[in-house]
Amino acid sequence: MTGAAARMKGIRWERACAQFYDLATTRSIRPGIHDDGGDLDTGGQGLVIECKDHGQWRVQHWFEQTEAKCREGERPLLLLKRRQRTTADGLVVVRMGDLDIRYV
């Protein structure tokens, strides 16, 4: 899938993620312009979130791209769409060092 259909698929996933977490998207009218932050506006929570809806996952590449967008003190996060699953069934990719589960 290429072109407008692929862009629309990505936009739908971004909107679904934004709605799920009650956040705003950072998508502008002109995609690619000012794409130095993530796809979702976390309101200063220290996260850079990228949403990906692709048939073939390139997790390492996407995570490195997201890391490159992080400023000092920010953590990268990927939200991956799973085919024919609900938004809640999507997967989250985070660095192990950024996830503190010792006291859960």
N, C-alpha and C. Protein backbone atom coordinates (compact mmCIF):
# COMPACT_ATOMS: atom_id res chain seq x y z
N MET A 1 0.85 -1.16 0.00
CA MET A 1 0.00 0.00 0.00
C MET A 1 0.90 1.23 0.00
N THR A 2 0.63 2.14 -0.91
CA THR A 2 1.43 3.36 -0.98
C THR A 2 0.52 4.56 -1.14
N GLY A 3 1.11 5.73 -1.06
CA GLY A 3 0.38 6.94 -1.36
C GLY A 3 -0.68 7.31 -0.34
N ALA A 4 -1.78 7.87 -0.88
CA ALA A 4 -2.84 8.41 -0.03
C ALA A 4 -3.49 7.35 0.86
N ALA A 5 -3.66 6.14 0.36
CA ALA A 5 -4.29 5.08 1.17
C ALA A 5 -3.44 4.74 2.38
N ALA A 6 -2.13 4.66 2.21
CA ALA A 6 -1.23 4.36 3.32
C ALA A 6 -1.24 5.49 4.34
N ARG A 7 -1.25 6.73 3.86
CA ARG A 7 -1.31 7.87 4.77
C ARG A 7 -2.60 7.87 5.58
N MET A 8 -3.70 7.58 4.92
CA MET A 8 -4.99 7.55 5.62
C MET A 8 -5.03 6.44 6.67
N LYS A 9 -4.43 5.30 6.36
CA LYS A 9 -4.37 4.20 7.32
C LYS A 9 -3.60 4.65 8.57
N GLY A 10 -2.49 5.32 8.36
CA GLY A 10 -1.70 5.83 9.48
C GLY A 10 -2.45 6.89 10.28
N ILE A 11 -3.15 7.76 9.59
CA ILE A 11 -3.93 8.81 10.26
C ILE A 11 -5.03 8.19 11.11
N ARG A 12 -5.69 7.17 10.58
CA ARG A 12 -6.75 6.51 11.35
C ARG A 12 -6.20 5.89 12.64
N TRP A 13 -5.03 5.27 12.54
CA TRP A 13 -4.42 4.66 13.73
C TRP A 13 -4.01 5.73 14.73
N GLU A 14 -3.42 6.81 14.27
CA GLU A 14 -3.05 7.92 15.16
C GLU A 14 -4.29 8.44 15.89
N ARG A 15 -5.36 8.65 15.17
CA ARG A 15 -6.59 9.16 15.78
C ARG A 15 -7.17 8.17 16.78
N ALA A 16 -7.12 6.88 16.46
CA ALA A 16 -7.61 5.85 17.38
C ALA A 16 -6.78 5.85 18.66
N CYS A 17 -5.46 5.97 18.53
CA CYS A 17 -4.59 6.01 19.71
C CYS A 17 -4.85 7.26 20.54
N ALA A 18 -4.98 8.39 19.87
CA ALA A 18 -5.26 9.65 20.57
C ALA A 18 -6.57 9.56 21.34
N GLN A 19 -7.59 9.00 20.72
CA GLN A 19 -8.89 8.86 21.38
C GLN A 19 -8.79 7.88 22.56
N PHE A 20 -8.08 6.80 22.37
CA PHE A 20 -7.94 5.78 23.42
C PHE A 20 -7.29 6.37 24.67
N TYR A 21 -6.26 7.21 24.49
CA TYR A 21 -5.54 7.80 25.62
C TYR A 21 -6.00 9.21 25.95
N ASP A 22 -7.04 9.68 25.27
CA ASP A 22 -7.57 11.02 25.48
C ASP A 22 -6.49 12.09 25.31
N LEU A 23 -5.77 11.99 24.18
CA LEU A 23 -4.72 12.94 23.82
C LEU A 23 -5.06 13.56 22.47
N ALA A 24 -4.34 14.59 22.11
CA ALA A 24 -4.50 15.21 20.80
C ALA A 24 -3.39 14.71 19.88
N THR A 25 -3.67 14.66 18.58
CA THR A 25 -2.62 14.32 17.62
C THR A 25 -1.84 15.58 17.31
N THR A 26 -0.62 15.40 16.84
CA THR A 26 0.20 16.54 16.46
C THR A 26 0.23 16.71 14.95
N ARG A 27 -0.59 15.95 14.24
CA ARG A 27 -0.61 15.99 12.78
C ARG A 27 -1.02 17.38 12.31
N SER A 28 -0.21 17.92 11.42
CA SER A 28 -0.53 19.23 10.85
C SER A 28 -1.21 19.03 9.49
N ILE A 29 -1.64 20.11 8.93
CA ILE A 29 -2.27 20.06 7.61
C ILE A 29 -1.25 19.64 6.57
N ARG A 30 0.01 19.97 6.81
CA ARG A 30 1.10 19.62 5.88
C ARG A 30 2.02 18.61 6.54
N PRO A 31 1.77 17.30 6.35
CA PRO A 31 2.60 16.27 6.98
C PRO A 31 4.07 16.43 6.61
N GLY A 32 4.92 16.14 7.57
CA GLY A 32 6.35 16.26 7.35
C GLY A 32 6.89 17.59 7.82
N ILE A 33 6.04 18.60 7.88
CA ILE A 33 6.46 19.90 8.37
C ILE A 33 6.45 19.83 9.90
N HIS A 34 7.56 20.25 10.50
CA HIS A 34 7.69 20.26 11.96
C HIS A 34 7.46 18.88 12.56
N ASP A 35 7.99 17.85 11.92
CA ASP A 35 7.83 16.49 12.44
C ASP A 35 8.98 16.16 13.38
N ASP A 36 9.25 17.06 14.33
CA ASP A 36 10.35 16.83 15.24
C ASP A 36 9.89 16.25 16.57
N GLY A 37 8.59 16.13 16.77
CA GLY A 37 8.04 15.51 17.98
C GLY A 37 7.36 14.22 17.60
N GLY A 38 6.58 13.70 18.49
CA GLY A 38 5.87 12.46 18.21
C GLY A 38 4.53 12.71 17.54
N ASP A 39 3.77 11.64 17.37
CA ASP A 39 2.46 11.71 16.73
C ASP A 39 1.37 12.19 17.68
N LEU A 40 1.58 12.00 18.98
CA LEU A 40 0.56 12.38 19.96
C LEU A 40 1.13 13.45 20.90
N ASP A 41 0.29 14.39 21.28
CA ASP A 41 0.67 15.45 22.22
C ASP A 41 0.41 14.94 23.63
N THR A 42 1.48 14.68 24.38
CA THR A 42 1.34 14.12 25.72
C THR A 42 1.26 15.19 26.79
N GLY A 43 1.21 16.42 26.41
CA GLY A 43 1.06 17.50 27.38
C GLY A 43 2.21 17.61 28.36
N GLY A 44 3.43 17.42 27.88
CA GLY A 44 4.61 17.58 28.73
C GLY A 44 4.89 16.42 29.67
N GLN A 45 4.42 15.23 29.34
CA GLN A 45 4.65 14.06 30.20
C GLN A 45 6.02 13.43 29.99
N GLY A 46 6.81 13.98 29.11
CA GLY A 46 8.15 13.45 28.88
C GLY A 46 8.20 12.24 27.97
N LEU A 47 7.19 12.09 27.11
CA LEU A 47 7.14 10.98 26.17
C LEU A 47 7.10 11.49 24.74
N VAL A 48 7.77 10.77 23.86
CA VAL A 48 7.64 11.00 22.42
C VAL A 48 7.00 9.73 21.88
N ILE A 49 5.75 9.85 21.41
CA ILE A 49 4.97 8.69 20.99
C ILE A 49 4.81 8.69 19.48
N GLU A 50 5.16 7.57 18.86
CA GLU A 50 4.96 7.36 17.43
C GLU A 50 3.97 6.21 17.26
N CYS A 51 3.01 6.38 16.36
CA CYS A 51 1.99 5.36 16.08
C CYS A 51 2.29 4.74 14.72
N LYS A 52 2.32 3.42 14.64
CA LYS A 52 2.66 2.73 13.40
C LYS A 52 1.62 1.67 13.06
N ASP A 53 1.14 1.74 11.82
CA ASP A 53 0.20 0.74 11.29
C ASP A 53 0.74 0.27 9.95
N HIS A 54 1.55 -0.78 9.99
CA HIS A 54 2.20 -1.32 8.78
C HIS A 54 2.01 -2.83 8.75
N GLY A 55 2.02 -3.37 7.56
CA GLY A 55 1.92 -4.82 7.39
C GLY A 55 3.17 -5.53 7.89
N GLN A 56 4.33 -4.96 7.60
CA GLN A 56 5.59 -5.54 8.04
C GLN A 56 6.23 -4.58 9.03
N TRP A 57 6.50 -5.05 10.21
CA TRP A 57 7.04 -4.20 11.26
C TRP A 57 8.54 -4.05 11.13
N ARG A 58 9.00 -2.83 11.32
CA ARG A 58 10.42 -2.49 11.35
C ARG A 58 10.70 -1.82 12.69
N VAL A 59 10.45 -2.56 13.76
CA VAL A 59 10.46 -2.01 15.10
C VAL A 59 11.78 -1.33 15.44
N GLN A 60 12.89 -1.98 15.17
CA GLN A 60 14.20 -1.41 15.50
C GLN A 60 14.38 -0.06 14.81
N HIS A 61 14.09 0.00 13.53
CA HIS A 61 14.24 1.24 12.75
C HIS A 61 13.32 2.33 13.29
N TRP A 62 12.05 2.00 13.51
CA TRP A 62 11.09 2.99 14.00
C TRP A 62 11.47 3.48 15.39
N PHE A 63 11.95 2.57 16.24
CA PHE A 63 12.32 2.97 17.59
C PHE A 63 13.51 3.91 17.57
N GLU A 64 14.47 3.63 16.70
CA GLU A 64 15.63 4.53 16.58
C GLU A 64 15.20 5.90 16.07
N GLN A 65 14.25 5.94 15.13
CA GLN A 65 13.73 7.22 14.66
C GLN A 65 13.06 7.99 15.79
N THR A 66 12.29 7.29 16.60
CA THR A 66 11.59 7.92 17.72
C THR A 66 12.59 8.41 18.76
N GLU A 67 13.62 7.62 19.04
CA GLU A 67 14.67 8.05 19.98
C GLU A 67 15.34 9.33 19.50
N ALA A 68 15.56 9.43 18.19
CA ALA A 68 16.22 10.61 17.63
C ALA A 68 15.38 11.88 17.81
N LYS A 69 14.07 11.73 17.95
CA LYS A 69 13.19 12.89 18.15
C LYS A 69 13.13 13.34 19.60
N CYS A 70 13.64 12.50 20.51
CA CYS A 70 13.56 12.81 21.94
C CYS A 70 14.57 13.89 22.31
N ARG A 71 14.08 14.81 23.15
CA ARG A 71 14.97 15.81 23.75
C ARG A 71 15.39 15.29 25.11
N GLU A 72 16.26 16.04 25.78
CA GLU A 72 16.75 15.67 27.10
C GLU A 72 15.58 15.36 28.04
N GLY A 73 15.62 14.20 28.67
CA GLY A 73 14.61 13.82 29.64
C GLY A 73 13.35 13.19 29.05
N GLU A 74 13.26 13.08 27.73
CA GLU A 74 12.08 12.45 27.11
C GLU A 74 12.36 10.98 26.81
N ARG A 75 11.29 10.19 26.82
CA ARG A 75 11.39 8.76 26.56
C ARG A 75 10.61 8.40 25.30
N PRO A 76 11.18 7.54 24.45
CA PRO A 76 10.48 7.11 23.23
C PRO A 76 9.49 5.99 23.51
N LEU A 77 8.40 6.00 22.73
CA LEU A 77 7.36 4.98 22.88
C LEU A 77 6.74 4.73 21.51
N LEU A 78 6.58 3.47 21.14
CA LEU A 78 5.90 3.11 19.89
C LEU A 78 4.57 2.46 20.22
N LEU A 79 3.53 2.83 19.46
CA LEU A 79 2.23 2.18 19.55
C LEU A 79 1.99 1.47 18.22
N LEU A 80 1.95 0.15 18.24
CA LEU A 80 1.86 -0.66 17.03
C LEU A 80 0.46 -1.25 16.86
N LYS A 81 -0.08 -1.10 15.68
CA LYS A 81 -1.40 -1.62 15.34
C LYS A 81 -1.28 -3.10 15.01
N ARG A 82 -2.20 -3.88 15.56
CA ARG A 82 -2.28 -5.30 15.22
C ARG A 82 -3.47 -5.48 14.30
N ARG A 83 -3.26 -6.18 13.22
CA ARG A 83 -4.31 -6.38 12.22
C ARG A 83 -5.53 -7.05 12.82
N GLN A 84 -6.68 -6.51 12.43
CA GLN A 84 -7.98 -7.05 12.81
C GLN A 84 -8.13 -7.20 14.32
N ARG A 85 -7.56 -6.26 15.05
CA ARG A 85 -7.68 -6.22 16.51
C ARG A 85 -8.15 -4.82 16.91
N THR A 86 -8.63 -4.70 18.13
CA THR A 86 -9.07 -3.41 18.62
C THR A 86 -7.87 -2.53 18.98
N THR A 87 -8.14 -1.26 19.20
CA THR A 87 -7.08 -0.34 19.61
C THR A 87 -6.44 -0.82 20.91
N ALA A 88 -7.25 -1.28 21.84
CA ALA A 88 -6.74 -1.76 23.13
C ALA A 88 -5.82 -2.97 22.97
N ASP A 89 -5.90 -3.68 21.86
CA ASP A 89 -5.04 -4.84 21.61
C ASP A 89 -3.73 -4.46 20.93
N GLY A 90 -3.53 -3.16 20.65
CA GLY A 90 -2.27 -2.71 20.06
C GLY A 90 -1.12 -2.97 21.02
N LEU A 91 0.08 -2.94 20.50
CA LEU A 91 1.26 -3.21 21.31
C LEU A 91 2.04 -1.93 21.58
N VAL A 92 2.65 -1.87 22.76
CA VAL A 92 3.47 -0.73 23.15
C VAL A 92 4.92 -1.21 23.22
N VAL A 93 5.82 -0.48 22.58
CA VAL A 93 7.24 -0.80 22.64
C VAL A 93 7.93 0.32 23.41
N VAL A 94 8.62 -0.06 24.48
CA VAL A 94 9.33 0.89 25.33
C VAL A 94 10.65 0.25 25.74
N ARG A 95 11.67 1.07 26.01
CA ARG A 95 12.94 0.53 26.50
C ARG A 95 12.74 -0.05 27.89
N MET A 96 13.39 -1.16 28.17
CA MET A 96 13.26 -1.78 29.48
C MET A 96 13.69 -0.82 30.58
N GLY A 97 14.71 -0.02 30.34
CA GLY A 97 15.19 0.93 31.34
C GLY A 97 14.20 2.05 31.64
N ASP A 98 13.25 2.27 30.75
CA ASP A 98 12.23 3.31 30.95
C ASP A 98 10.99 2.79 31.66
N LEU A 99 10.91 1.50 31.88
CA LEU A 99 9.73 0.88 32.48
C LEU A 99 10.09 0.37 33.87
N ASP A 100 9.55 0.99 34.89
CA ASP A 100 9.85 0.59 36.27
C ASP A 100 8.70 -0.27 36.78
N ILE A 101 8.91 -1.58 36.79
CA ILE A 101 7.87 -2.50 37.24
C ILE A 101 8.27 -3.24 38.53
N ARG A 102 9.31 -2.80 39.16
CA ARG A 102 9.81 -3.49 40.37
C ARG A 102 8.81 -3.47 41.50
N TYR A 103 7.96 -2.45 41.55
CA TYR A 103 7.07 -2.29 42.71
C TYR A 103 5.61 -2.51 42.36
N VAL A 104 5.34 -3.16 41.25
CA VAL A 104 3.96 -3.39 40.85
C VAL A 104 3.41 -4.60 41.57
